[in-house]
């Protein structure tokens, strides 16, 4: 099974940008659909973005047009480029993976990273 390690979180002002990275190891990265979810303080975890094995992309309405998910199957890494950040984007961001495909990633992925904190100040 793949193991996931996120990086790139931090503090940014509203309107700024951050790029999150998720490095995968331990299995065949290209066989997994990948995604990002987030959990804000006091709220339930929510889907943010997902990418299929072949590069098809899906986004939550709240981030569409501002966030971009991508993957590099040579570097075994998935990225989340976040632009025009808002205070409501503040959350712990989790990378996730599922060999069953993107629907599983969006619903209840089988593998999760430890998370990286993103804080957007107003």
Protein backbone atom coordinates (compact mmCIF):
# COMPACT_ATOMS: atom_id res chain seq x y z
CA UNK A 1 0.00 0.00 0.00
CA UNK A 2 1.21 3.51 -0.74
CA UNK A 3 2.39 5.86 2.04
CA UNK A 4 1.76 9.60 1.77
CA UNK A 5 3.63 12.60 3.18
CA UNK A 6 2.31 16.13 2.69
CA UNK A 7 4.33 19.35 2.73
CA UNK A 8 3.98 23.00 1.77
CA UNK A 9 1.48 24.26 4.30
CA UNK A 10 1.96 27.52 6.15
CA UNK A 11 0.65 30.99 6.84
CA UNK A 12 -0.39 33.20 3.95
CA UNK A 13 -2.38 36.40 3.58
CA UNK A 14 -5.74 36.43 1.85
CA UNK A 15 -5.28 36.63 -1.90
CA UNK A 16 -1.97 34.81 -1.74
CA UNK A 17 -0.89 31.43 -3.06
CA UNK A 18 0.55 28.19 -1.75
CA UNK A 19 1.50 24.90 -3.36
CA UNK A 20 1.03 21.71 -1.41
CA UNK A 21 2.97 18.58 -2.28
CA UNK A 22 2.27 14.97 -1.43
CA UNK A 23 5.07 12.47 -1.88
CA UNK A 24 4.06 8.83 -2.25
CA UNK A 25 6.15 5.75 -1.61
CA UNK A 26 5.81 2.04 -1.14
CA UNK A 27 3.68 1.08 -4.11
CA UNK A 28 3.01 1.84 -7.77
CA UNK A 29 1.97 5.50 -7.63
CA UNK A 30 0.52 5.55 -11.14
CA UNK A 31 -2.02 2.88 -10.21
CA UNK A 32 -3.70 5.18 -7.66
CA UNK A 33 -6.24 7.91 -8.07
CA UNK A 34 -5.15 10.78 -5.82
CA UNK A 35 -6.90 13.59 -4.02
CA UNK A 36 -6.92 16.31 -1.43
CA UNK A 37 -9.38 16.85 1.38
CA UNK A 38 -9.42 19.39 4.19
CA UNK A 39 -10.77 19.82 7.68
CA UNK A 40 -11.34 23.26 9.14
CA UNK A 41 -11.51 23.81 12.91
CA UNK A 42 -14.84 22.60 14.24
CA UNK A 43 -15.99 21.29 10.87
CA UNK A 44 -16.18 17.93 9.15
CA UNK A 45 -13.60 16.85 6.63
CA UNK A 46 -14.54 17.82 3.06
CA UNK A 47 -13.43 16.91 -0.44
CA UNK A 48 -11.28 19.49 -2.23
CA UNK A 49 -9.86 18.00 -5.43
CA UNK A 50 -9.09 14.67 -7.09
CA UNK A 51 -7.16 13.42 -10.09
CA UNK A 52 -7.58 10.13 -11.92
CA UNK A 53 -4.80 7.78 -12.94
CA UNK A 54 -4.92 9.30 -16.44
CA UNK A 55 -5.06 12.93 -15.28
CA UNK A 56 -8.77 13.75 -15.20
CA UNK A 57 -9.52 16.37 -12.56
CA UNK A 58 -12.40 17.06 -10.21
CA UNK A 59 -12.94 19.98 -7.82
CA UNK A 60 -15.26 21.06 -5.06
CA UNK A 61 -17.35 24.05 -6.09
CA UNK A 62 -15.77 26.12 -3.33
CA UNK A 63 -12.28 25.90 -4.89
CA UNK A 64 -13.08 25.62 -8.60
CA UNK A 65 -11.15 28.20 -10.59
CA UNK A 66 -8.73 28.88 -7.73
CA UNK A 67 -7.11 25.50 -7.01
CA UNK A 68 -5.37 23.15 -9.44
CA UNK A 69 -4.49 19.52 -8.76
CA UNK A 70 -1.74 17.83 -10.74
CA UNK A 71 0.42 14.73 -10.54
CA UNK A 72 3.91 13.72 -11.58
CA UNK A 73 4.11 9.96 -12.02
CA UNK A 74 7.92 10.12 -12.35
CA UNK A 75 8.39 11.93 -9.04
CA UNK A 76 5.52 10.01 -7.39
CA UNK A 77 4.05 13.29 -6.23
CA UNK A 78 0.68 15.00 -6.37
CA UNK A 79 0.37 18.76 -6.03
CA UNK A 80 -2.32 21.23 -5.08
CA UNK A 81 -1.71 24.75 -6.35
CA UNK A 82 -3.88 27.14 -4.36
CA UNK A 83 -4.39 30.69 -5.62
CA UNK A 84 -6.58 33.56 -4.45
CA UNK A 85 -6.70 32.06 -0.99
CA UNK A 86 -9.46 33.09 1.39
CA UNK A 87 -9.65 32.91 5.19
CA UNK A 88 -12.28 30.18 4.80
CA UNK A 89 -9.63 28.01 3.13
CA UNK A 90 -7.90 27.71 6.51
CA UNK A 91 -7.75 24.01 7.35
CA UNK A 92 -5.58 20.96 7.69
CA UNK A 93 -5.13 19.59 4.17
CA UNK A 94 -4.87 15.84 3.69
CA UNK A 95 -3.57 13.96 0.71
CA UNK A 96 -5.33 10.70 -0.06
CA UNK A 97 -5.14 7.80 -2.48
CA UNK A 98 -7.22 4.88 -3.64
CA UNK A 99 -6.42 2.16 -6.16
CA UNK A 100 -10.17 1.71 -6.83
CA UNK A 101 -10.34 5.05 -8.62
CA UNK A 102 -11.39 8.66 -8.29
CA UNK A 103 -14.91 8.02 -7.01
CA UNK A 104 -13.44 6.18 -4.03
CA UNK A 105 -10.96 9.03 -3.47
CA UNK A 106 -13.79 11.56 -3.41
CA UNK A 107 -15.91 9.47 -1.06
CA UNK A 108 -13.75 7.50 1.36
CA UNK A 109 -10.17 6.99 0.30
CA UNK A 110 -8.24 3.97 1.57
CA UNK A 111 -4.94 5.79 2.27
CA UNK A 112 -4.43 9.13 4.01
CA UNK A 113 -1.45 11.31 4.84
CA UNK A 114 -0.92 13.03 8.18
CA UNK A 115 -2.00 16.43 6.93
CA UNK A 116 -0.46 19.88 6.56
CA UNK A 117 -1.88 23.05 8.06
CA UNK A 118 -2.81 25.99 5.86
CA UNK A 119 -3.70 29.25 7.59
CA UNK A 120 -5.03 32.19 5.59
CA UNK A 121 -5.07 35.51 7.40
CA UNK A 122 -7.46 38.30 6.52
